[in-house]
C-alpha cells in the first residue's frame, strides 16, 4: 500500500516520541520504514509495524553516528594526502617544507616557537568558531555532531607540545614535527570548512 502524507507524519511523530531528535536521521528512517511497510504483504496496522522496528530504529541511529564519524576521519586523511600529489597543493607543500628547514637552521628561539604554536592555535580557534557558529542549526542534525572531531588528530600536535619539547632540539625531529603539524592542521581546517558549508546547504532543504 502507498502511504499518505498523514502516514508519513505519523511515522515522524512516532520517531520523535522515541527521542530520535536529529532531523536528518528521521528523514532517512522515514524513507526506510515507509518503504518497508509499503513492501510488506502483512495485513497489519502502521503503528504495529513501527513497534516491531524499535530495535532497528535505535541501532540505525547509533550505527549512522559511527559511520559519519569515521567517514569524516577518512576524508581528512584524503585531504592531507592531496598536499603530496595534487598540482594545486604541491607548491605550498614544497615551499613550506623549505621554510621549516630554513627556520630550523636559524636555531629556533622562544619567539619562533611561539609563532609556530600560535599558528596552530589560530587554526583550532577558527575550527571551534566554525563548529559552533551555527549551533542552532547543527544541534538538529546528526551529521553536524562529529564536525569538530575532524580536528581530533591534528590537535594532538598542539596538545603534545610539552612532551615533544625536548625532542624538538633534534633538527630532524623539529622539521618532521612542524612540517606534519601544520599540514595536518591545514588539511583538517579545510575539510572542516567544506563539511560545514555542505551541512549548511543541506540544512536549508530539510529544516
N, C-alpha and C. Protein backbone atom coordinates (compact mmCIF):
# COMPACT_ATOMS: atom_id res chain seq x y z
N UNK A 1 0.83 -1.20 0.00
CA UNK A 1 0.00 0.00 0.00
C UNK A 1 0.87 1.25 0.00
N UNK A 2 0.34 2.30 -0.62
CA UNK A 2 1.06 3.56 -0.69
C UNK A 2 0.69 4.42 0.51
N UNK A 3 1.70 4.90 1.22
CA UNK A 3 1.44 5.70 2.40
C UNK A 3 1.05 7.13 2.03
N UNK A 4 0.12 7.65 2.78
CA UNK A 4 -0.33 9.03 2.58
C UNK A 4 0.59 9.98 3.34
N UNK A 5 0.41 11.27 3.12
CA UNK A 5 1.19 12.27 3.82
C UNK A 5 0.91 12.20 5.31
N UNK A 6 -0.33 11.85 5.68
CA UNK A 6 -0.69 11.70 7.09
C UNK A 6 0.07 10.54 7.72
N UNK A 7 0.25 9.46 6.95
CA UNK A 7 1.02 8.31 7.45
C UNK A 7 2.49 8.68 7.65
N UNK A 8 3.04 9.44 6.72
CA UNK A 8 4.43 9.89 6.83
C UNK A 8 4.61 10.75 8.08
N UNK A 9 3.66 11.64 8.32
CA UNK A 9 3.72 12.50 9.50
C UNK A 9 3.59 11.67 10.77
N UNK A 10 2.77 10.61 10.70
CA UNK A 10 2.60 9.72 11.85
C UNK A 10 3.93 9.03 12.18
N UNK A 11 4.65 8.59 11.15
CA UNK A 11 5.96 7.96 11.37
C UNK A 11 6.92 8.96 12.01
N UNK A 12 6.92 10.18 11.51
CA UNK A 12 7.80 11.21 12.05
C UNK A 12 7.48 11.46 13.51
N UNK A 13 6.21 11.59 13.84
CA UNK A 13 5.80 11.81 15.23
C UNK A 13 6.19 10.62 16.12
N UNK A 14 6.09 9.44 15.56
CA UNK A 14 6.45 8.23 16.31
C UNK A 14 7.95 8.24 16.62
N UNK A 15 8.75 8.64 15.66
CA UNK A 15 10.20 8.72 15.86
C UNK A 15 10.55 9.78 16.90
N UNK A 16 9.83 10.87 16.88
CA UNK A 16 10.04 11.92 17.88
C UNK A 16 9.73 11.40 19.27
N UNK A 17 8.68 10.61 19.40
CA UNK A 17 8.32 10.01 20.69
C UNK A 17 9.41 9.06 21.17
N UNK A 18 10.11 8.44 20.22
CA UNK A 18 11.22 7.55 20.57
C UNK A 18 12.51 8.32 20.81
N UNK A 19 12.40 9.65 20.82
CA UNK A 19 13.52 10.56 21.08
C UNK A 19 14.59 10.52 19.99
N UNK A 20 14.14 10.33 18.75
CA UNK A 20 15.05 10.49 17.61
C UNK A 20 15.01 11.96 17.25
N UNK A 21 15.94 12.73 17.79
CA UNK A 21 15.84 14.18 17.74
C UNK A 21 16.43 14.81 16.47
N UNK A 22 17.35 14.09 15.80
CA UNK A 22 18.01 14.69 14.64
C UNK A 22 17.13 14.58 13.40
N UNK A 23 16.97 15.70 12.72
CA UNK A 23 16.08 15.76 11.55
C UNK A 23 16.58 14.86 10.43
N UNK A 24 17.90 14.87 10.18
CA UNK A 24 18.43 14.05 9.08
C UNK A 24 18.26 12.56 9.35
N UNK A 25 18.36 12.16 10.62
CA UNK A 25 18.15 10.75 10.98
C UNK A 25 16.70 10.36 10.74
N UNK A 26 15.79 11.21 11.16
CA UNK A 26 14.37 10.90 10.99
C UNK A 26 14.00 10.80 9.51
N UNK A 27 14.57 11.66 8.67
CA UNK A 27 14.27 11.60 7.24
C UNK A 27 14.70 10.27 6.63
N UNK A 28 15.89 9.81 7.01
CA UNK A 28 16.36 8.52 6.48
C UNK A 28 15.52 7.38 7.02
N UNK A 29 15.18 7.45 8.30
CA UNK A 29 14.37 6.40 8.90
C UNK A 29 12.97 6.35 8.29
N UNK A 30 12.41 7.52 8.06
CA UNK A 30 11.07 7.57 7.43
C UNK A 30 11.11 6.89 6.07
N UNK A 31 12.16 7.13 5.31
CA UNK A 31 12.29 6.52 3.99
C UNK A 31 12.39 4.99 4.11
N UNK A 32 13.23 4.51 5.06
CA UNK A 32 13.39 3.07 5.28
C UNK A 32 12.07 2.43 5.75
N UNK A 33 11.47 3.04 6.74
CA UNK A 33 10.26 2.47 7.34
C UNK A 33 9.08 2.52 6.38
N UNK A 34 8.92 3.61 5.68
CA UNK A 34 7.81 3.74 4.73
C UNK A 34 7.96 2.72 3.60
N UNK A 35 9.20 2.59 3.08
CA UNK A 35 9.43 1.62 2.00
C UNK A 35 9.20 0.20 2.48
N UNK A 36 9.65 -0.08 3.70
CA UNK A 36 9.46 -1.42 4.27
C UNK A 36 8.01 -1.76 4.48
N UNK A 37 7.25 -0.81 4.98
CA UNK A 37 5.83 -1.05 5.22
C UNK A 37 5.06 -1.20 3.91
N UNK A 38 5.39 -0.39 2.92
CA UNK A 38 4.72 -0.46 1.62
C UNK A 38 5.00 -1.79 0.92
N UNK A 39 6.23 -2.32 1.15
CA UNK A 39 6.59 -3.59 0.51
C UNK A 39 6.08 -4.80 1.28
N UNK A 40 5.63 -4.56 2.50
CA UNK A 40 5.17 -5.66 3.34
C UNK A 40 3.83 -6.19 2.86
N UNK A 41 3.69 -7.51 2.89
CA UNK A 41 2.44 -8.15 2.49
C UNK A 41 1.54 -8.42 3.70
N UNK A 42 2.07 -8.06 4.86
CA UNK A 42 1.32 -8.34 6.09
C UNK A 42 0.14 -7.39 6.22
N UNK A 43 -0.93 -7.92 6.72
CA UNK A 43 -2.10 -7.10 6.98
C UNK A 43 -2.00 -6.60 8.42
N UNK A 44 -1.24 -5.56 8.62
CA UNK A 44 -1.06 -5.02 9.97
C UNK A 44 -1.14 -3.50 9.94
N UNK A 45 -1.45 -2.96 11.08
CA UNK A 45 -1.54 -1.51 11.22
C UNK A 45 -0.14 -0.91 11.20
N UNK A 46 -0.07 0.34 10.76
CA UNK A 46 1.23 1.02 10.69
C UNK A 46 1.88 1.10 12.06
N UNK A 47 1.10 1.37 13.08
CA UNK A 47 1.66 1.50 14.43
C UNK A 47 2.26 0.18 14.90
N UNK A 48 1.64 -0.94 14.53
CA UNK A 48 2.18 -2.25 14.92
C UNK A 48 3.49 -2.53 14.18
N UNK A 49 3.53 -2.12 12.92
CA UNK A 49 4.75 -2.29 12.14
C UNK A 49 5.89 -1.49 12.75
N UNK A 50 5.60 -0.26 13.15
CA UNK A 50 6.63 0.59 13.75
C UNK A 50 7.12 0.02 15.08
N UNK A 51 6.21 -0.54 15.86
CA UNK A 51 6.60 -1.14 17.14
C UNK A 51 7.56 -2.30 16.93
N UNK A 52 7.37 -3.02 15.84
CA UNK A 52 8.24 -4.17 15.56
C UNK A 52 9.63 -3.72 15.09
N UNK A 53 9.77 -2.44 14.78
CA UNK A 53 11.03 -1.91 14.27
C UNK A 53 11.79 -1.05 15.28
N UNK A 54 11.39 -1.10 16.53
CA UNK A 54 12.02 -0.25 17.54
C UNK A 54 13.52 -0.53 17.66
N UNK A 55 13.89 -1.80 17.71
CA UNK A 55 15.32 -2.14 17.81
C UNK A 55 16.09 -1.65 16.59
N UNK A 56 15.49 -1.80 15.42
CA UNK A 56 16.12 -1.31 14.19
C UNK A 56 16.33 0.19 14.25
N UNK A 57 15.33 0.91 14.73
CA UNK A 57 15.41 2.37 14.81
C UNK A 57 16.55 2.81 15.73
N UNK A 58 16.65 2.16 16.90
CA UNK A 58 17.69 2.54 17.86
C UNK A 58 19.08 2.20 17.32
N UNK A 59 19.22 1.03 16.69
CA UNK A 59 20.52 0.64 16.13
C UNK A 59 20.91 1.52 14.96
N UNK A 60 19.92 1.91 14.18
CA UNK A 60 20.17 2.74 13.00
C UNK A 60 20.85 4.05 13.39
N UNK A 61 20.34 4.69 14.42
CA UNK A 61 20.89 5.98 14.85
C UNK A 61 22.33 5.84 15.33
N UNK A 62 22.61 4.78 16.10
CA UNK A 62 23.96 4.57 16.63
C UNK A 62 24.94 4.24 15.51
N UNK A 63 24.54 3.36 14.60
CA UNK A 63 25.43 2.96 13.51
C UNK A 63 25.70 4.13 12.57
N UNK A 64 24.68 4.94 12.34
CA UNK A 64 24.85 6.09 11.45
C UNK A 64 25.84 7.09 12.04
N UNK A 65 25.78 7.27 13.36
CA UNK A 65 26.71 8.18 14.03
C UNK A 65 28.15 7.73 13.83
N UNK A 66 28.40 6.43 14.00
CA UNK A 66 29.76 5.90 13.82
C UNK A 66 30.20 6.02 12.37
N UNK A 67 29.29 5.73 11.44
CA UNK A 67 29.61 5.81 10.02
C UNK A 67 30.03 7.22 9.63
N UNK A 68 29.27 8.21 10.10
CA UNK A 68 29.58 9.60 9.79
C UNK A 68 30.93 10.00 10.38
N UNK A 69 31.16 9.63 11.63
CA UNK A 69 32.42 9.98 12.30
C UNK A 69 33.62 9.46 11.53
N UNK A 70 33.59 8.17 11.17
CA UNK A 70 34.75 7.58 10.51
C UNK A 70 34.88 8.05 9.06
N UNK A 71 33.77 8.38 8.44
CA UNK A 71 33.86 8.93 7.07
C UNK A 71 34.55 10.29 7.10
N UNK A 72 34.28 11.09 8.13
CA UNK A 72 34.94 12.38 8.27
C UNK A 72 36.44 12.21 8.48
N UNK A 73 36.82 11.20 9.28
CA UNK A 73 38.23 10.95 9.53
C UNK A 73 38.95 10.52 8.26
N UNK A 74 38.32 9.63 7.50
CA UNK A 74 38.93 9.18 6.24
C UNK A 74 39.11 10.33 5.26
N UNK A 75 38.12 11.20 5.20
CA UNK A 75 38.19 12.32 4.27
C UNK A 75 39.24 13.34 4.69
N UNK A 76 39.50 13.44 6.00
CA UNK A 76 40.58 14.32 6.46
C UNK A 76 41.92 13.78 5.99
N UNK A 77 42.10 12.44 6.06
CA UNK A 77 43.33 11.82 5.59
C UNK A 77 43.49 12.00 4.09
N UNK A 78 42.38 11.90 3.35
CA UNK A 78 42.45 12.11 1.90
C UNK A 78 42.88 13.55 1.59
N UNK A 79 42.36 14.48 2.37
CA UNK A 79 42.72 15.88 2.18
C UNK A 79 44.22 16.08 2.45
N UNK A 80 44.73 15.44 3.49
CA UNK A 80 46.16 15.53 3.80
C UNK A 80 46.99 14.97 2.65
N UNK A 81 46.54 13.84 2.10
CA UNK A 81 47.28 13.21 1.01
C UNK A 81 47.37 14.12 -0.22
N UNK A 82 46.37 14.96 -0.41
CA UNK A 82 46.36 15.85 -1.56
C UNK A 82 47.56 16.79 -1.58
N UNK A 83 48.11 17.10 -0.40
CA UNK A 83 49.26 18.00 -0.34
C UNK A 83 50.51 17.39 -0.97
N UNK A 84 50.45 16.07 -1.23
CA UNK A 84 51.62 15.38 -1.76
C UNK A 84 51.46 14.93 -3.22
N UNK A 85 50.28 15.16 -3.82
CA UNK A 85 50.14 14.76 -5.22
C UNK A 85 49.27 15.69 -6.06
N UNK A 86 48.45 16.53 -5.44
CA UNK A 86 47.60 17.43 -6.21
C UNK A 86 48.42 18.63 -6.70
N UNK A 87 48.36 18.93 -8.00
CA UNK A 87 49.16 20.05 -8.56
C UNK A 87 48.92 21.39 -7.87
N UNK A 88 47.66 21.64 -7.43
CA UNK A 88 47.38 22.93 -6.79
C UNK A 88 47.79 22.96 -5.32
N UNK A 89 48.16 21.80 -4.76
CA UNK A 89 48.60 21.74 -3.37
C UNK A 89 50.12 21.62 -3.27
N UNK A 90 50.74 20.95 -4.24
CA UNK A 90 52.18 20.65 -4.17
C UNK A 90 53.08 21.88 -4.00
N UNK A 91 52.84 23.00 -4.70
CA UNK A 91 53.71 24.16 -4.49
C UNK A 91 53.77 24.60 -3.04
N UNK A 92 52.62 24.63 -2.37
CA UNK A 92 52.61 25.02 -0.97
C UNK A 92 53.42 24.04 -0.13
N UNK A 93 53.23 22.74 -0.39
CA UNK A 93 53.95 21.71 0.38
C UNK A 93 55.45 21.88 0.25
N UNK A 94 55.91 22.10 -0.98
CA UNK A 94 57.35 22.25 -1.23
C UNK A 94 57.90 23.52 -0.57
N UNK A 95 57.20 24.62 -0.77
CA UNK A 95 57.65 25.90 -0.18
C UNK A 95 57.64 25.82 1.34
N UNK A 96 56.59 25.23 1.89
CA UNK A 96 56.52 25.13 3.35
C UNK A 96 57.60 24.21 3.90
N UNK A 97 57.90 23.12 3.18
CA UNK A 97 58.97 22.22 3.61
C UNK A 97 60.30 22.95 3.69
N UNK A 98 60.62 23.75 2.67
CA UNK A 98 61.86 24.54 2.69
C UNK A 98 61.84 25.58 3.81
N UNK A 99 60.65 26.13 4.06
CA UNK A 99 60.53 27.15 5.12
C UNK A 99 60.83 26.55 6.49
N UNK A 100 60.33 25.35 6.74
CA UNK A 100 60.58 24.69 8.03
C UNK A 100 62.07 24.38 8.18
N UNK A 101 62.69 23.92 7.09
CA UNK A 101 64.13 23.64 7.14
C UNK A 101 64.92 24.92 7.41
N UNK A 102 64.51 26.01 6.79
CA UNK A 102 65.18 27.30 6.99
C UNK A 102 65.02 27.79 8.43
N UNK A 103 63.82 27.63 8.97
CA UNK A 103 63.57 28.04 10.36
C UNK A 103 64.45 27.23 11.30
N UNK A 104 64.58 25.93 11.03
CA UNK A 104 65.38 25.07 11.90
C UNK A 104 66.85 25.50 11.89
N UNK A 105 67.34 25.91 10.73
CA UNK A 105 68.74 26.32 10.65
C UNK A 105 69.02 27.63 11.38
N UNK A 106 67.96 28.37 11.67
CA UNK A 106 68.12 29.61 12.43
C UNK A 106 68.27 29.35 13.92
N UNK A 107 68.28 28.03 14.27
CA UNK A 107 68.32 27.65 15.68
C UNK A 107 67.16 28.32 16.43
N UNK A 108 65.96 27.81 16.22
CA UNK A 108 64.74 28.44 16.73
C UNK A 108 64.81 28.85 18.20
N UNK A 109 64.43 30.08 18.45
CA UNK A 109 64.38 30.57 19.83
C UNK A 109 62.92 30.59 20.31
N UNK A 110 62.70 31.17 21.45
CA UNK A 110 61.35 31.19 22.03
C UNK A 110 60.36 31.94 21.14
N UNK A 111 60.83 32.98 20.47
CA UNK A 111 59.94 33.77 19.60
C UNK A 111 59.44 32.93 18.43
N UNK A 112 60.37 32.19 17.79
CA UNK A 112 59.99 31.35 16.66
C UNK A 112 59.03 30.26 17.10
N UNK A 113 59.32 29.64 18.25
CA UNK A 113 58.45 28.59 18.77
C UNK A 113 57.07 29.14 19.08
N UNK A 114 57.03 30.36 19.62
CA UNK A 114 55.75 30.98 19.94
C UNK A 114 54.93 31.22 18.67
N UNK A 115 55.61 31.66 17.61
CA UNK A 115 54.92 31.89 16.33
C UNK A 115 54.33 30.59 15.80
N UNK A 116 55.09 29.50 15.88
CA UNK A 116 54.60 28.21 15.41
C UNK A 116 53.41 27.71 16.24
N UNK A 117 53.51 27.86 17.55
CA UNK A 117 52.41 27.43 18.42
C UNK A 117 51.16 28.26 18.18
N UNK A 118 51.35 29.56 18.03
CA UNK A 118 50.21 30.45 17.76
C UNK A 118 49.54 30.09 16.43
N UNK A 119 50.36 29.71 15.44
CA UNK A 119 49.80 29.36 14.13
C UNK A 119 48.87 28.15 14.25
N UNK A 120 49.25 27.17 15.06
CA UNK A 120 48.37 26.01 15.29
C UNK A 120 47.14 26.42 16.08
N UNK A 121 47.34 27.26 17.07
CA UNK A 121 46.23 27.69 17.92
C UNK A 121 45.18 28.46 17.14
N UNK A 122 45.63 29.28 16.19
CA UNK A 122 44.70 30.06 15.36
C UNK A 122 43.80 29.13 14.56
N UNK A 123 44.41 28.08 13.98
CA UNK A 123 43.62 27.12 13.20
C UNK A 123 42.56 26.46 14.08
N UNK A 124 42.95 26.08 15.29
CA UNK A 124 42.00 25.41 16.20
C UNK A 124 40.94 26.38 16.71
N UNK A 125 41.33 27.61 16.94
CA UNK A 125 40.36 28.61 17.38
C UNK A 125 39.32 28.84 16.29
N UNK A 126 39.80 28.92 15.05
CA UNK A 126 38.87 29.07 13.92
C UNK A 126 37.95 27.86 13.80
N UNK A 127 38.51 26.65 14.01
CA UNK A 127 37.71 25.43 13.90
C UNK A 127 36.59 25.40 14.93
N UNK A 128 36.90 25.86 16.14
CA UNK A 128 35.89 25.91 17.20
C UNK A 128 34.78 26.89 16.81
N UNK A 129 35.18 28.06 16.32
CA UNK A 129 34.19 29.06 15.89
C UNK A 129 33.32 28.50 14.76
N UNK A 130 33.98 27.84 13.79
CA UNK A 130 33.25 27.27 12.64
C UNK A 130 32.27 26.21 13.09
N UNK A 131 32.67 25.41 14.08
CA UNK A 131 31.81 24.34 14.55
C UNK A 131 30.63 24.81 15.37
N UNK A 132 30.77 25.96 16.03
CA UNK A 132 29.72 26.43 16.93
C UNK A 132 29.03 27.72 16.47
N UNK A 133 29.44 28.23 15.31
CA UNK A 133 28.83 29.47 14.84
C UNK A 133 27.39 29.27 14.36
N UNK A 134 27.02 28.05 14.05
CA UNK A 134 25.65 27.75 13.59
C UNK A 134 25.03 26.69 14.50
N UNK A 135 25.23 26.88 15.79
CA UNK A 135 24.85 25.86 16.77
C UNK A 135 23.36 25.52 16.73
N UNK A 136 22.50 26.50 16.46
CA UNK A 136 21.06 26.25 16.43
C UNK A 136 20.68 25.28 15.31
N UNK A 137 21.38 25.42 14.18
CA UNK A 137 21.13 24.51 13.05
C UNK A 137 21.81 23.17 13.28
N UNK A 138 23.06 23.22 13.73
CA UNK A 138 23.85 22.00 13.87
C UNK A 138 23.29 21.04 14.92
N UNK A 139 22.65 21.58 15.96
CA UNK A 139 22.15 20.69 17.01
C UNK A 139 20.94 19.86 16.54
N UNK A 140 20.40 20.21 15.37
CA UNK A 140 19.26 19.47 14.82
C UNK A 140 19.70 18.38 13.85
N UNK A 141 21.00 18.34 13.53
CA UNK A 141 21.50 17.41 12.53
C UNK A 141 22.57 16.49 13.10
N UNK A 142 22.38 15.21 12.93
CA UNK A 142 23.38 14.26 13.42
C UNK A 142 24.70 14.41 12.67
N UNK A 143 24.62 14.71 11.39
CA UNK A 143 25.84 14.83 10.59
C UNK A 143 26.74 15.98 11.04
N UNK A 144 26.19 16.89 11.83
CA UNK A 144 26.99 18.02 12.32
C UNK A 144 27.67 17.71 13.66
N UNK A 145 27.22 16.65 14.34
CA UNK A 145 27.75 16.36 15.67
C UNK A 145 29.24 16.03 15.68
N UNK A 146 29.73 15.22 14.73
CA UNK A 146 31.17 14.90 14.76
C UNK A 146 32.02 15.87 13.95
N UNK A 147 31.48 17.05 13.67
CA UNK A 147 32.18 18.01 12.81
C UNK A 147 33.54 18.39 13.39
N UNK A 148 33.57 18.77 14.67
CA UNK A 148 34.84 19.21 15.26
C UNK A 148 35.81 18.05 15.45
N UNK A 149 35.30 16.79 15.44
CA UNK A 149 36.18 15.64 15.61
C UNK A 149 37.16 15.51 14.44
N UNK A 150 36.89 16.21 13.35
CA UNK A 150 37.84 16.24 12.23
C UNK A 150 39.19 16.76 12.70
N UNK A 151 39.16 17.64 13.70
CA UNK A 151 40.39 18.23 14.21
C UNK A 151 41.01 17.44 15.36
N UNK A 152 40.46 16.27 15.66
CA UNK A 152 40.96 15.48 16.79
C UNK A 152 42.43 15.09 16.60
N UNK A 153 42.75 14.50 15.47
CA UNK A 153 44.13 14.09 15.21
C UNK A 153 45.06 15.28 15.03
N UNK A 154 44.69 16.29 14.23
CA UNK A 154 45.56 17.47 14.13
C UNK A 154 45.84 18.13 15.47
N UNK A 155 44.87 18.08 16.39
CA UNK A 155 45.06 18.75 17.68
C UNK A 155 46.11 18.07 18.55
N UNK A 156 46.43 16.81 18.25
CA UNK A 156 47.43 16.11 19.06
C UNK A 156 48.79 16.80 19.00
N UNK A 157 49.11 17.42 17.88
CA UNK A 157 50.39 18.12 17.75
C UNK A 157 50.47 19.27 18.75
N UNK A 158 49.34 19.95 18.94
CA UNK A 158 49.31 21.07 19.86
C UNK A 158 49.34 20.59 21.31
N UNK A 159 48.59 19.52 21.60
CA UNK A 159 48.48 19.03 22.96
C UNK A 159 49.73 18.30 23.45
N UNK A 160 50.55 17.82 22.52
CA UNK A 160 51.76 17.09 22.91
C UNK A 160 53.01 17.96 22.88
N UNK A 161 52.83 19.26 22.75
CA UNK A 161 53.98 20.16 22.69
C UNK A 161 54.88 20.02 23.90
N UNK A 162 54.27 19.88 25.09
CA UNK A 162 55.06 19.78 26.31
C UNK A 162 55.95 18.55 26.31
N UNK A 163 55.39 17.43 25.88
CA UNK A 163 56.15 16.17 25.83
C UNK A 163 57.21 16.22 24.74
N UNK A 164 56.86 16.84 23.63
CA UNK A 164 57.76 16.86 22.47
C UNK A 164 58.87 17.90 22.58
N UNK A 165 58.76 18.81 23.52
CA UNK A 165 59.71 19.93 23.60
C UNK A 165 61.17 19.49 23.64
N UNK A 166 61.57 18.51 24.48
CA UNK A 166 62.99 18.10 24.49
C UNK A 166 63.43 17.52 23.14
N UNK A 167 62.51 16.81 22.46
CA UNK A 167 62.84 16.18 21.19
C UNK A 167 63.00 17.19 20.07
N UNK A 168 62.36 18.36 20.23
CA UNK A 168 62.41 19.39 19.18
C UNK A 168 63.80 19.99 19.04
N UNK A 169 64.69 19.69 19.98
CA UNK A 169 66.06 20.17 19.87
C UNK A 169 66.82 19.42 18.78
N UNK A 170 66.29 18.24 18.42
CA UNK A 170 66.87 17.48 17.32
C UNK A 170 66.37 18.08 16.00
N UNK A 171 67.28 18.43 15.11
CA UNK A 171 66.90 19.15 13.90
C UNK A 171 65.93 18.36 13.02
N UNK A 172 66.14 17.04 12.92
CA UNK A 172 65.28 16.23 12.07
C UNK A 172 63.88 16.07 12.66
N UNK A 173 63.82 15.92 13.98
CA UNK A 173 62.52 15.80 14.64
C UNK A 173 61.77 17.13 14.53
N UNK A 174 62.51 18.23 14.70
CA UNK A 174 61.90 19.56 14.59
C UNK A 174 61.24 19.74 13.22
N UNK A 175 62.01 19.41 12.17
CA UNK A 175 61.49 19.57 10.80
C UNK A 175 60.26 18.68 10.58
N UNK A 176 60.36 17.40 10.97
CA UNK A 176 59.25 16.46 10.76
C UNK A 176 58.02 16.87 11.56
N UNK A 177 58.23 17.28 12.81
CA UNK A 177 57.11 17.62 13.69
C UNK A 177 56.33 18.81 13.14
N UNK A 178 57.03 19.90 12.82
CA UNK A 178 56.32 21.10 12.38
C UNK A 178 55.79 20.99 10.96
N UNK A 179 56.51 20.25 10.13
CA UNK A 179 56.02 20.02 8.77
C UNK A 179 54.68 19.28 8.81
N UNK A 180 54.62 18.20 9.57
CA UNK A 180 53.38 17.41 9.67
C UNK A 180 52.31 18.15 10.47
N UNK A 181 52.73 18.86 11.52
CA UNK A 181 51.76 19.57 12.36
C UNK A 181 50.96 20.59 11.55
N UNK A 182 51.66 21.40 10.79
CA UNK A 182 50.98 22.43 10.00
C UNK A 182 50.13 21.81 8.90
N UNK A 183 50.67 20.81 8.19
CA UNK A 183 49.91 20.19 7.11
C UNK A 183 48.66 19.49 7.64
N UNK A 184 48.79 18.76 8.75
CA UNK A 184 47.63 18.09 9.35
C UNK A 184 46.56 19.10 9.72
N UNK A 185 46.98 20.20 10.32
CA UNK A 185 46.01 21.19 10.79
C UNK A 185 45.36 21.95 9.65
N UNK A 186 46.12 22.25 8.61
CA UNK A 186 45.53 22.92 7.46
C UNK A 186 44.55 21.98 6.75
N UNK A 187 44.95 20.71 6.60
CA UNK A 187 44.06 19.72 5.97
C UNK A 187 42.78 19.58 6.77
N UNK A 188 42.91 19.49 8.10
CA UNK A 188 41.73 19.38 8.95
C UNK A 188 40.85 20.62 8.86
N UNK A 189 41.49 21.79 8.82
CA UNK A 189 40.73 23.04 8.73
C UNK A 189 39.97 23.15 7.43
N UNK A 190 40.61 22.76 6.32
CA UNK A 190 39.94 22.81 5.01
C UNK A 190 38.76 21.85 4.98
N UNK A 191 38.98 20.63 5.49
CA UNK A 191 37.91 19.63 5.47
C UNK A 191 36.76 20.04 6.36
N UNK A 192 37.07 20.63 7.52
CA UNK A 192 36.01 21.09 8.41
C UNK A 192 35.19 22.20 7.76
N UNK A 193 35.88 23.13 7.11
CA UNK A 193 35.19 24.23 6.43
C UNK A 193 34.27 23.71 5.33
N UNK A 194 34.78 22.79 4.52
CA UNK A 194 33.97 22.23 3.44
C UNK A 194 32.76 21.47 3.96
N UNK A 195 32.97 20.68 4.99
CA UNK A 195 31.87 19.92 5.58
C UNK A 195 30.83 20.87 6.17
N UNK A 196 31.29 21.90 6.85
CA UNK A 196 30.37 22.86 7.44
C UNK A 196 29.49 23.50 6.38
N UNK A 197 30.10 23.92 5.28
CA UNK A 197 29.34 24.56 4.21
C UNK A 197 28.33 23.61 3.57
N UNK A 198 28.74 22.35 3.39
CA UNK A 198 27.82 21.36 2.81
C UNK A 198 26.64 21.10 3.74
N UNK A 199 26.93 21.02 5.03
CA UNK A 199 25.86 20.77 6.01
C UNK A 199 24.88 21.94 6.03
N UNK A 200 25.41 23.16 5.96
CA UNK A 200 24.54 24.33 5.95
C UNK A 200 23.66 24.36 4.71
N UNK A 201 24.23 23.99 3.56
CA UNK A 201 23.44 23.94 2.33
C UNK A 201 22.36 22.88 2.44
N UNK A 202 22.72 21.72 2.97
CA UNK A 202 21.76 20.62 3.13
C UNK A 202 20.65 21.01 4.11
N UNK A 203 21.03 21.72 5.17
CA UNK A 203 20.04 22.09 6.19
C UNK A 203 18.94 22.97 5.63
N UNK A 204 19.28 23.77 4.61
CA UNK A 204 18.29 24.66 4.00
C UNK A 204 17.16 23.88 3.32
N UNK A 205 17.45 22.63 2.94
CA UNK A 205 16.46 21.83 2.22
C UNK A 205 15.57 21.01 3.15
N UNK A 206 16.00 20.85 4.40
CA UNK A 206 15.22 19.96 5.29
C UNK A 206 14.74 20.63 6.58
N UNK A 207 15.30 21.79 6.91
CA UNK A 207 14.88 22.45 8.17
C UNK A 207 14.06 23.70 7.85
